[in-house]
Amino acid sequence: MLPALLIGSSSCARPLRFYPPLPVPDATQFPAEPDKNSVSLFALTKADDLVLCHRAFVRTKTPSSGRTVIQFSIRPDGGVEGARVVETTLEDPKSIDCMVEAVSRWKTPFRPAASRTFRYPYTAVAEDYARPVAPR
């Protein structure tokens, strides 16, 4: 069975199966002004950053699933600022802090006229632990 990443709200989440990890699209494939869909696609290409953080949590516990919503702003230079977790079912603060730090390091292809704030829901599933992930 291939690994899964659930996307969408918890009431209509559907598994998205991919192997190997998704390639990062060329910056020209994204609009300069970000919207919810393009930011979600970009975040999906960076999902391994969050999987690595969640894996750090399960080294001492059994694999678990959980949902985390991360809010962040994209600056006009494409950098990310103000990343924070606004909702989570994960119980490990180190894993949550790691996710915030990972998102804060993202460099996006977007160039908004002014900072724009988005929320990205990340759902970890137990199958993620069987999938090889390249450290970034």
Protein backbone atom coordinates (compact mmCIF):
# COMPACT_ATOMS: atom_id res chain seq x y z
CA MET A 1 0.00 0.00 0.00
CA LEU A 2 1.30 3.44 -0.91
CA PRO A 3 1.55 6.20 1.70
CA ALA A 4 -1.26 8.71 2.03
CA LEU A 5 -1.65 12.34 2.84
CA LEU A 6 -5.17 13.42 3.60
CA ILE A 7 -6.30 16.69 2.12
CA GLY A 8 -9.50 18.57 2.66
CA SER A 9 -11.64 19.10 5.71
CA SER A 10 -12.04 16.28 8.20
CA SER A 11 -15.61 15.65 7.04
CA CYS A 12 -14.62 15.15 3.40
CA ALA A 13 -10.92 14.32 3.59
CA ARG A 14 -9.70 12.03 0.86
CA PRO A 15 -6.37 10.23 0.63
CA LEU A 16 -3.89 11.53 -1.87
CA ARG A 17 -1.36 8.81 -2.58
CA PHE A 18 2.00 9.60 -4.06
CA TYR A 19 5.39 8.00 -4.35
CA PRO A 20 8.01 9.31 -4.72
CA PRO A 21 7.30 12.71 -3.11
CA LEU A 22 5.83 15.36 -5.37
CA PRO A 23 8.35 17.46 -7.31
CA VAL A 24 8.32 21.17 -6.61
CA PRO A 25 6.74 22.87 -9.62
CA ASP A 26 8.67 25.59 -11.41
CA ALA A 27 8.02 29.06 -9.96
CA THR A 28 6.47 30.14 -13.26
CA GLN A 29 3.65 27.63 -12.70
CA PHE A 30 2.38 29.66 -9.74
CA PRO A 31 0.65 33.04 -9.97
CA ALA A 32 2.53 36.00 -8.48
CA GLU A 33 -0.50 36.80 -6.32
CA PRO A 34 -1.24 33.74 -4.15
CA ASP A 35 -4.70 32.29 -3.68
CA LYS A 36 -5.93 29.49 -1.45
CA ASN A 37 -5.55 26.78 -4.11
CA SER A 38 -2.06 27.74 -5.27
CA VAL A 39 -0.82 28.04 -1.67
CA SER A 40 -2.30 24.62 -0.87
CA LEU A 41 -0.52 23.11 -3.88
CA PHE A 42 2.78 24.72 -2.87
CA ALA A 43 2.35 23.53 0.75
CA LEU A 44 1.62 20.01 -0.51
CA THR A 45 5.00 19.98 -2.25
CA LYS A 46 6.55 20.86 1.13
CA ALA A 47 4.58 18.26 3.11
CA ASP A 48 7.72 16.18 3.76
CA ASP A 49 8.97 18.98 6.03
CA LEU A 50 5.93 18.40 8.24
CA VAL A 51 6.13 14.60 7.99
CA LEU A 52 9.69 14.75 9.36
CA CYS A 53 8.51 16.81 12.32
CA HIS A 54 5.69 14.40 13.06
CA ARG A 55 8.04 11.42 12.77
CA ALA A 56 10.28 12.94 15.44
CA PHE A 57 7.31 12.67 17.80
CA VAL A 58 6.64 8.98 17.15
CA ARG A 59 10.17 7.79 17.87
CA THR A 60 9.09 7.15 21.44
CA LYS A 61 5.38 6.50 20.83
CA THR A 62 3.34 4.41 18.45
CA PRO A 63 2.48 6.01 15.10
CA SER A 64 -0.61 8.12 15.31
CA SER A 65 -2.71 10.26 13.08
CA GLY A 66 -3.43 13.88 13.76
CA ARG A 67 -4.52 17.13 12.22
CA THR A 68 -2.75 20.45 12.50
CA VAL A 69 -3.79 23.78 10.98
CA ILE A 70 -0.88 26.15 10.44
CA GLN A 71 -1.46 29.83 9.77
CA PHE A 72 1.24 31.89 8.08
CA SER A 73 1.70 35.04 6.04
CA ILE A 74 3.49 35.29 2.70
CA ARG A 75 5.54 38.46 2.36
CA PRO A 76 6.00 40.40 -0.91
CA ASP A 77 9.49 38.84 -1.24
CA GLY A 78 7.99 35.31 -1.09
CA GLY A 79 9.22 34.57 2.42
CA VAL A 80 7.00 33.32 5.22
CA GLU A 81 6.39 35.09 8.52
CA GLY A 82 4.16 34.72 11.53
CA ALA A 83 3.79 30.94 11.25
CA ARG A 84 1.79 29.48 14.11
CA VAL A 85 -0.44 26.52 14.87
CA VAL A 86 -4.07 27.60 15.25
CA GLU A 87 -5.56 24.12 15.72
CA THR A 88 -4.10 20.69 16.43
CA THR A 89 -4.93 17.23 17.70
CA LEU A 90 -1.25 16.36 18.15
CA GLU A 91 -0.10 16.11 21.75
CA ASP A 92 3.64 16.72 21.43
CA PRO A 93 4.78 20.36 21.72
CA LYS A 94 8.18 19.55 20.17
CA SER A 95 6.54 18.21 17.03
CA ILE A 96 4.30 21.27 16.82
CA ASP A 97 7.24 23.66 17.33
CA CYS A 98 9.18 21.81 14.62
CA MET A 99 6.29 22.28 12.16
CA VAL A 100 6.14 26.01 12.88
CA GLU A 101 9.90 26.33 12.34
CA ALA A 102 9.72 24.32 9.11
CA VAL A 103 6.95 26.49 7.65
CA SER A 104 8.82 29.64 8.74
CA ARG A 105 11.77 28.55 6.55
CA TRP A 106 9.70 28.09 3.40
CA LYS A 107 10.58 30.28 0.42
CA THR A 108 7.56 30.53 -1.83
CA PRO A 109 7.35 31.48 -5.51
CA PHE A 110 4.59 33.98 -4.70
CA ARG A 111 5.12 37.74 -4.82
CA PRO A 112 1.99 39.37 -3.38
CA ALA A 113 1.66 43.15 -3.44
CA ALA A 114 1.23 43.06 0.37
CA SER A 115 1.55 40.29 2.96
CA ARG A 116 -1.26 37.74 2.71
CA THR A 117 -2.28 35.29 5.43
CA PHE A 118 -3.29 31.68 4.76
CA ARG A 119 -4.14 28.55 6.73
CA TYR A 120 -2.88 25.13 5.70
CA PRO A 121 -4.45 21.97 7.20
CA TYR A 122 -1.93 19.14 7.49
CA THR A 123 -3.23 15.69 8.38
CA ALA A 124 -0.68 13.06 9.32
CA VAL A 125 -1.65 9.44 8.84
CA ALA A 126 0.11 6.33 10.11
CA GLU A 127 1.03 5.27 6.55
CA ASP A 128 3.39 8.27 6.32
CA TYR A 129 5.82 6.44 8.59
CA ALA A 130 6.50 3.72 6.01
CA ARG A 131 7.35 6.20 3.26
CA PRO A 132 10.96 7.31 2.79
CA VAL A 133 11.36 11.06 3.17
CA ALA A 134 14.40 13.02 2.10
CA PRO A 135 15.62 15.47 4.76
CA ARG A 136 15.63 19.09 3.58
